[in-house]
């Protein structure tokens, strides 16, 4: 698989016409294989909830955590390179300090979509990782929780999505190009 090429802002804008958040979400969720970075042996963690939701919705989901061999009764992989097949997207549900490294690994592997989890607070979003993802030509959803979009959406996540929308806290529409390359 060829690594993603590095693009400057003008090249990125030309290759990525403006997307709305919903278009980016739809594109991400159209992928049949999704990896979730940050799953834990503790089942109550956000990454595990997302992992289970995607698995239960029929996706082929890969759990990634370098410190675990099994989570949620499934095999867990240490790194993207260990996966049996390339996922179409990666959910980042790790501390934000690791997001940049994960974005780089995604680009190197040829994965073109990343979703940095966030509901309230900073979540997994790193400004440096968002900027780098844009420069590398990746589609990035910098915030929001996939559980607010994966059908069927439970009442709690539907309510959170509505509150974040009303408060203007959902990620901005995709396609805004960073001013630095």
C-alpha atoms as a PDB file:
ATOM      1  CA  UNK A   1       0.000   0.000   0.000  1.00  0.00           C
ATOM      2  CA  UNK A   2       1.414   3.411  -0.918  1.00  0.00           C
ATOM      3  CA  UNK A   3       1.725   5.949   1.885  1.00  0.00           C
ATOM      4  CA  UNK A   4      -0.374   9.099   1.608  1.00  0.00           C
ATOM      5  CA  UNK A   5       1.530  11.879  -0.110  1.00  0.00           C
ATOM      6  CA  UNK A   6       2.121  15.149   1.687  1.00  0.00           C
ATOM      7  CA  UNK A   7       0.048  18.026   0.297  1.00  0.00           C
ATOM      8  CA  UNK A   8       0.298  21.757   0.809  1.00  0.00           C
ATOM      9  CA  UNK A   9      -2.872  23.688   1.619  1.00  0.00           C
ATOM     10  CA  UNK A  10      -3.680  24.612  -1.978  1.00  0.00           C
ATOM     11  CA  UNK A  11      -3.219  21.021  -3.191  1.00  0.00           C
ATOM     12  CA  UNK A  12      -5.360  19.729  -0.314  1.00  0.00           C
ATOM     13  CA  UNK A  13      -8.165  22.165  -1.170  1.00  0.00           C
ATOM     14  CA  UNK A  14      -8.072  21.116  -4.815  1.00  0.00           C
ATOM     15  CA  UNK A  15      -8.238  17.395  -3.983  1.00  0.00           C
ATOM     16  CA  UNK A  16     -10.808  17.764  -1.178  1.00  0.00           C
ATOM     17  CA  UNK A  17     -13.812  19.900  -2.006  1.00  0.00           C
ATOM     18  CA  UNK A  18     -15.546  21.215   1.102  1.00  0.00           C
ATOM     19  CA  UNK A  19     -17.412  18.523   3.024  1.00  0.00           C
ATOM     20  CA  UNK A  20     -20.020  18.997   5.652  1.00  0.00           C
ATOM     21  CA  UNK A  21     -19.704  17.098   8.905  1.00  0.00           C
ATOM     22  CA  UNK A  22     -22.511  14.776   7.812  1.00  0.00           C
ATOM     23  CA  UNK A  23     -20.795  14.044   4.483  1.00  0.00           C
ATOM     24  CA  UNK A  24     -17.546  13.219   6.282  1.00  0.00           C
ATOM     25  CA  UNK A  25     -19.411  11.007   8.769  1.00  0.00           C
ATOM     26  CA  UNK A  26     -21.286   9.225   5.961  1.00  0.00           C
ATOM     27  CA  UNK A  27     -18.026   8.654   4.064  1.00  0.00           C
ATOM     28  CA  UNK A  28     -16.344   7.286   7.198  1.00  0.00           C
ATOM     29  CA  UNK A  29     -19.236   4.990   8.070  1.00  0.00           C
ATOM     30  CA  UNK A  30     -19.487   3.665   4.497  1.00  0.00           C
ATOM     31  CA  UNK A  31     -16.253   1.793   5.170  1.00  0.00           C
ATOM     32  CA  UNK A  32     -16.755  -1.890   5.989  1.00  0.00           C
ATOM     33  CA  UNK A  33     -13.552  -2.181   8.067  1.00  0.00           C
ATOM     34  CA  UNK A  34     -12.768   0.247  10.871  1.00  0.00           C
ATOM     35  CA  UNK A  35      -9.993   0.152  13.459  1.00  0.00           C
ATOM     36  CA  UNK A  36     -10.441   1.589  16.944  1.00  0.00           C
ATOM     37  CA  UNK A  37      -7.253   2.808  18.614  1.00  0.00           C
ATOM     38  CA  UNK A  38      -7.240   2.847  22.396  1.00  0.00           C
ATOM     39  CA  UNK A  39      -9.513  -0.056  23.311  1.00  0.00           C
ATOM     40  CA  UNK A  40      -8.868  -1.260  26.830  1.00  0.00           C
ATOM     41  CA  UNK A  41      -9.189  -4.319  29.012  1.00  0.00           C
ATOM     42  CA  UNK A  42     -11.629  -2.119  30.986  1.00  0.00           C
ATOM     43  CA  UNK A  43     -14.978  -2.506  29.166  1.00  0.00           C
ATOM     44  CA  UNK A  44     -16.410   0.846  30.305  1.00  0.00           C
ATOM     45  CA  UNK A  45     -13.900   2.988  28.401  1.00  0.00           C
ATOM     46  CA  UNK A  46     -15.142   5.164  25.523  1.00  0.00           C
ATOM     47  CA  UNK A  47     -13.026   3.270  22.986  1.00  0.00           C
ATOM     48  CA  UNK A  48     -14.614  -0.013  24.060  1.00  0.00           C
ATOM     49  CA  UNK A  49     -18.123   1.407  23.814  1.00  0.00           C
ATOM     50  CA  UNK A  50     -17.360   2.629  20.291  1.00  0.00           C
ATOM     51  CA  UNK A  51     -15.762  -0.705  19.387  1.00  0.00           C
ATOM     52  CA  UNK A  52     -18.840  -2.653  20.554  1.00  0.00           C
ATOM     53  CA  UNK A  53     -21.244  -0.251  18.813  1.00  0.00           C
ATOM     54  CA  UNK A  54     -19.443  -0.624  15.483  1.00  0.00           C
ATOM     55  CA  UNK A  55     -19.139  -4.410  15.874  1.00  0.00           C
ATOM     56  CA  UNK A  56     -22.816  -4.740  16.790  1.00  0.00           C
ATOM     57  CA  UNK A  57     -23.751  -2.578  13.770  1.00  0.00           C
ATOM     58  CA  UNK A  58     -22.092  -5.121  11.460  1.00  0.00           C
ATOM     59  CA  UNK A  59     -18.709  -3.544  10.788  1.00  0.00           C
ATOM     60  CA  UNK A  60     -15.503  -5.538  10.722  1.00  0.00           C
ATOM     61  CA  UNK A  61     -13.775  -3.802  13.623  1.00  0.00           C
ATOM     62  CA  UNK A  62     -10.173  -4.139  14.700  1.00  0.00           C
ATOM     63  CA  UNK A  63      -9.201  -3.363  18.286  1.00  0.00           C
ATOM     64  CA  UNK A  64      -5.771  -1.767  18.649  1.00  0.00           C
ATOM     65  CA  UNK A  65      -3.838  -1.463  21.901  1.00  0.00           C
ATOM     66  CA  UNK A  66      -0.137  -2.351  22.177  1.00  0.00           C
ATOM     67  CA  UNK A  67      -0.648  -3.532  25.766  1.00  0.00           C
ATOM     68  CA  UNK A  68      -3.486  -6.029  25.170  1.00  0.00           C
ATOM     69  CA  UNK A  69      -3.911  -9.224  23.171  1.00  0.00           C
ATOM     70  CA  UNK A  70      -7.670  -9.547  23.682  1.00  0.00           C
ATOM     71  CA  UNK A  71     -10.482  -7.088  24.405  1.00  0.00           C
ATOM     72  CA  UNK A  72     -14.242  -7.529  24.359  1.00  0.00           C
ATOM     73  CA  UNK A  73     -13.658 -11.243  23.660  1.00  0.00           C
ATOM     74  CA  UNK A  74     -11.884 -10.434  20.380  1.00  0.00           C
ATOM     75  CA  UNK A  75      -8.272 -10.396  19.291  1.00  0.00           C
ATOM     76  CA  UNK A  76      -6.506  -7.100  19.912  1.00  0.00           C
ATOM     77  CA  UNK A  77      -3.666  -5.928  17.702  1.00  0.00           C
ATOM     78  CA  UNK A  78      -0.635  -3.970  18.856  1.00  0.00           C
ATOM     79  CA  UNK A  79      -0.254  -1.783  15.753  1.00  0.00           C
ATOM     80  CA  UNK A  80      -1.959  -0.905  12.474  1.00  0.00           C
ATOM     81  CA  UNK A  81       0.706  -2.906  10.637  1.00  0.00           C
ATOM     82  CA  UNK A  82      -0.442  -6.066  12.459  1.00  0.00           C
ATOM     83  CA  UNK A  83      -4.001  -5.965  11.082  1.00  0.00           C
ATOM     84  CA  UNK A  84      -5.092  -8.758   8.710  1.00  0.00           C
ATOM     85  CA  UNK A  85      -6.667  -6.200   6.325  1.00  0.00           C
ATOM     86  CA  UNK A  86      -6.404  -2.460   5.828  1.00  0.00           C
ATOM     87  CA  UNK A  87      -9.285  -0.584   7.472  1.00  0.00           C
ATOM     88  CA  UNK A  88     -11.046   2.184   5.598  1.00  0.00           C
ATOM     89  CA  UNK A  89     -10.913   4.418   8.663  1.00  0.00           C
ATOM     90  CA  UNK A  90      -9.494   4.680  12.157  1.00  0.00           C
ATOM     91  CA  UNK A  91     -11.250   5.967  15.262  1.00  0.00           C
ATOM     92  CA  UNK A  92      -8.722   7.551  17.621  1.00  0.00           C
ATOM     93  CA  UNK A  93      -9.899   7.174  21.205  1.00  0.00           C
ATOM     94  CA  UNK A  94      -6.604   7.689  22.989  1.00  0.00           C
ATOM     95  CA  UNK A  95      -5.076  10.555  24.946  1.00  0.00           C
ATOM     96  CA  UNK A  96      -4.576  13.498  22.554  1.00  0.00           C
ATOM     97  CA  UNK A  97      -0.802  13.300  23.009  1.00  0.00           C
ATOM     98  CA  UNK A  98      -0.769  10.133  20.870  1.00  0.00           C
ATOM     99  CA  UNK A  99      -3.020  11.403  18.065  1.00  0.00           C
ATOM    100  CA  UNK A 100      -0.215  12.857  15.933  1.00  0.00           C
ATOM    101  CA  UNK A 101       1.703   9.588  15.941  1.00  0.00           C
ATOM    102  CA  UNK A 102      -1.485   7.719  14.991  1.00  0.00           C
ATOM    103  CA  UNK A 103      -2.239  10.137  12.138  1.00  0.00           C
ATOM    104  CA  UNK A 104       1.288   9.593  10.792  1.00  0.00           C
ATOM    105  CA  UNK A 105       0.866   5.800  11.037  1.00  0.00           C
ATOM    106  CA  UNK A 106      -2.487   5.999   9.216  1.00  0.00           C
ATOM    107  CA  UNK A 107      -0.985   8.023   6.374  1.00  0.00           C
ATOM    108  CA  UNK A 108       1.994   5.670   6.125  1.00  0.00           C
ATOM    109  CA  UNK A 109      -0.365   2.687   5.893  1.00  0.00           C
ATOM    110  CA  UNK A 110      -2.527   4.356   3.232  1.00  0.00           C
ATOM    111  CA  UNK A 111      -5.557   4.894   5.489  1.00  0.00           C
ATOM    112  CA  UNK A 112      -7.300   8.090   4.355  1.00  0.00           C
ATOM    113  CA  UNK A 113      -9.902   8.648   7.127  1.00  0.00           C
ATOM    114  CA  UNK A 114      -9.450   9.368  10.832  1.00  0.00           C
ATOM    115  CA  UNK A 115     -11.996  10.262  13.483  1.00  0.00           C
ATOM    116  CA  UNK A 116     -10.674  11.799  16.693  1.00  0.00           C
ATOM    117  CA  UNK A 117     -13.220  10.987  19.394  1.00  0.00           C
ATOM    118  CA  UNK A 118     -14.604  13.741  21.576  1.00  0.00           C
ATOM    119  CA  UNK A 119     -17.884  14.252  23.352  1.00  0.00           C
ATOM    120  CA  UNK A 120     -17.175  16.771  26.102  1.00  0.00           C
ATOM    121  CA  UNK A 121     -13.749  18.219  26.831  1.00  0.00           C
ATOM    122  CA  UNK A 122     -10.681  17.690  24.648  1.00  0.00           C
ATOM    123  CA  UNK A 123     -11.178  13.974  24.063  1.00  0.00           C
ATOM    124  CA  UNK A 124      -8.610  12.633  21.609  1.00  0.00           C
ATOM    125  CA  UNK A 125      -8.376  15.796  19.514  1.00  0.00           C
ATOM    126  CA  UNK A 126      -4.924  17.292  19.037  1.00  0.00           C
ATOM    127  CA  UNK A 127      -4.547  20.485  16.999  1.00  0.00           C
ATOM    128  CA  UNK A 128      -1.153  19.308  15.740  1.00  0.00           C
ATOM    129  CA  UNK A 129      -2.653  15.981  14.621  1.00  0.00           C
ATOM    130  CA  UNK A 130      -5.561  17.722  12.865  1.00  0.00           C
ATOM    131  CA  UNK A 131      -3.163  20.041  11.003  1.00  0.00           C
ATOM    132  CA  UNK A 132      -0.919  17.122  10.024  1.00  0.00           C
ATOM    133  CA  UNK A 133      -3.881  15.039   8.827  1.00  0.00           C
ATOM    134  CA  UNK A 134      -4.945  17.868   6.521  1.00  0.00           C
ATOM    135  CA  UNK A 135      -1.420  18.305   5.168  1.00  0.00           C
ATOM    136  CA  UNK A 136      -1.189  14.553   4.510  1.00  0.00           C
ATOM    137  CA  UNK A 137      -4.468  14.672   2.597  1.00  0.00           C
ATOM    138  CA  UNK A 138      -6.505  12.667   5.107  1.00  0.00           C
ATOM    139  CA  UNK A 139     -10.145  13.271   5.839  1.00  0.00           C
ATOM    140  CA  UNK A 140     -10.363  14.060   9.547  1.00  0.00           C
ATOM    141  CA  UNK A 141     -13.342  14.345  11.832  1.00  0.00           C
ATOM    142  CA  UNK A 142     -11.871  16.294  14.724  1.00  0.00           C
ATOM    143  CA  UNK A 143     -14.352  15.636  17.472  1.00  0.00           C
ATOM    144  CA  UNK A 144     -17.784  14.192  18.146  1.00  0.00           C
ATOM    145  CA  UNK A 145     -18.457  10.594  19.116  1.00  0.00           C
ATOM    146  CA  UNK A 146     -19.155   7.975  16.446  1.00  0.00           C
ATOM    147  CA  UNK A 147     -21.947   6.663  18.694  1.00  0.00           C
ATOM    148  CA  UNK A 148     -23.859   9.869  17.920  1.00  0.00           C
ATOM    149  CA  UNK A 149     -24.039   8.753  14.273  1.00  0.00           C
ATOM    150  CA  UNK A 150     -23.909   4.923  14.064  1.00  0.00           C
ATOM    151  CA  UNK A 151     -27.457   3.595  13.662  1.00  0.00           C
ATOM    152  CA  UNK A 152     -29.354   2.862  15.690  1.00  0.00           C
ATOM    153  CA  UNK A 153     -28.414   5.908  17.774  1.00  0.00           C
ATOM    154  CA  UNK A 154     -29.463   5.530  21.399  1.00  0.00           C
ATOM    155  CA  UNK A 155     -31.466   8.271  23.091  1.00  0.00           C
ATOM    156  CA  UNK A 156     -28.550   9.496  25.192  1.00  0.00           C
ATOM    157  CA  UNK A 157     -26.237   9.988  22.208  1.00  0.00           C
ATOM    158  CA  UNK A 158     -29.044  11.533  20.163  1.00  0.00           C
ATOM    159  CA  UNK A 159     -29.561  14.049  22.971  1.00  0.00           C
ATOM    160  CA  UNK A 160     -25.815  14.759  23.295  1.00  0.00           C
ATOM    161  CA  UNK A 161     -25.548  15.312  19.535  1.00  0.00           C
ATOM    162  CA  UNK A 162     -28.454  17.756  19.646  1.00  0.00           C
ATOM    163  CA  UNK A 163     -26.960  19.626  22.638  1.00  0.00           C
ATOM    164  CA  UNK A 164     -23.555  19.886  20.958  1.00  0.00           C
ATOM    165  CA  UNK A 165     -25.170  21.092  17.727  1.00  0.00           C
ATOM    166  CA  UNK A 166     -27.208  23.758  19.531  1.00  0.00           C
ATOM    167  CA  UNK A 167     -24.126  24.849  21.493  1.00  0.00           C
ATOM    168  CA  UNK A 168     -22.029  25.002  18.302  1.00  0.00           C
ATOM    169  CA  UNK A 169     -19.677  22.334  19.639  1.00  0.00           C
ATOM    170  CA  UNK A 170     -19.893  19.787  16.824  1.00  0.00           C
ATOM    171  CA  UNK A 171     -16.836  19.803  14.553  1.00  0.00           C
ATOM    172  CA  UNK A 172     -16.819  22.472  11.868  1.00  0.00           C
ATOM    173  CA  UNK A 173     -17.656  21.378   8.330  1.00  0.00           C
ATOM    174  CA  UNK A 174     -14.830  19.486   6.687  1.00  0.00           C
ATOM    175  CA  UNK A 175     -12.800  21.098   3.949  1.00  0.00           C
ATOM    176  CA  UNK A 176     -11.403  24.085   5.806  1.00  0.00           C
ATOM    177  CA  UNK A 177      -7.734  24.107   4.934  1.00  0.00           C
ATOM    178  CA  UNK A 178      -5.122  25.028   7.515  1.00  0.00           C
ATOM    179  CA  UNK A 179      -3.178  28.198   6.878  1.00  0.00           C
ATOM    180  CA  UNK A 180       0.158  26.452   7.419  1.00  0.00           C
ATOM    181  CA  UNK A 181       1.508  23.460   5.548  1.00  0.00           C
END
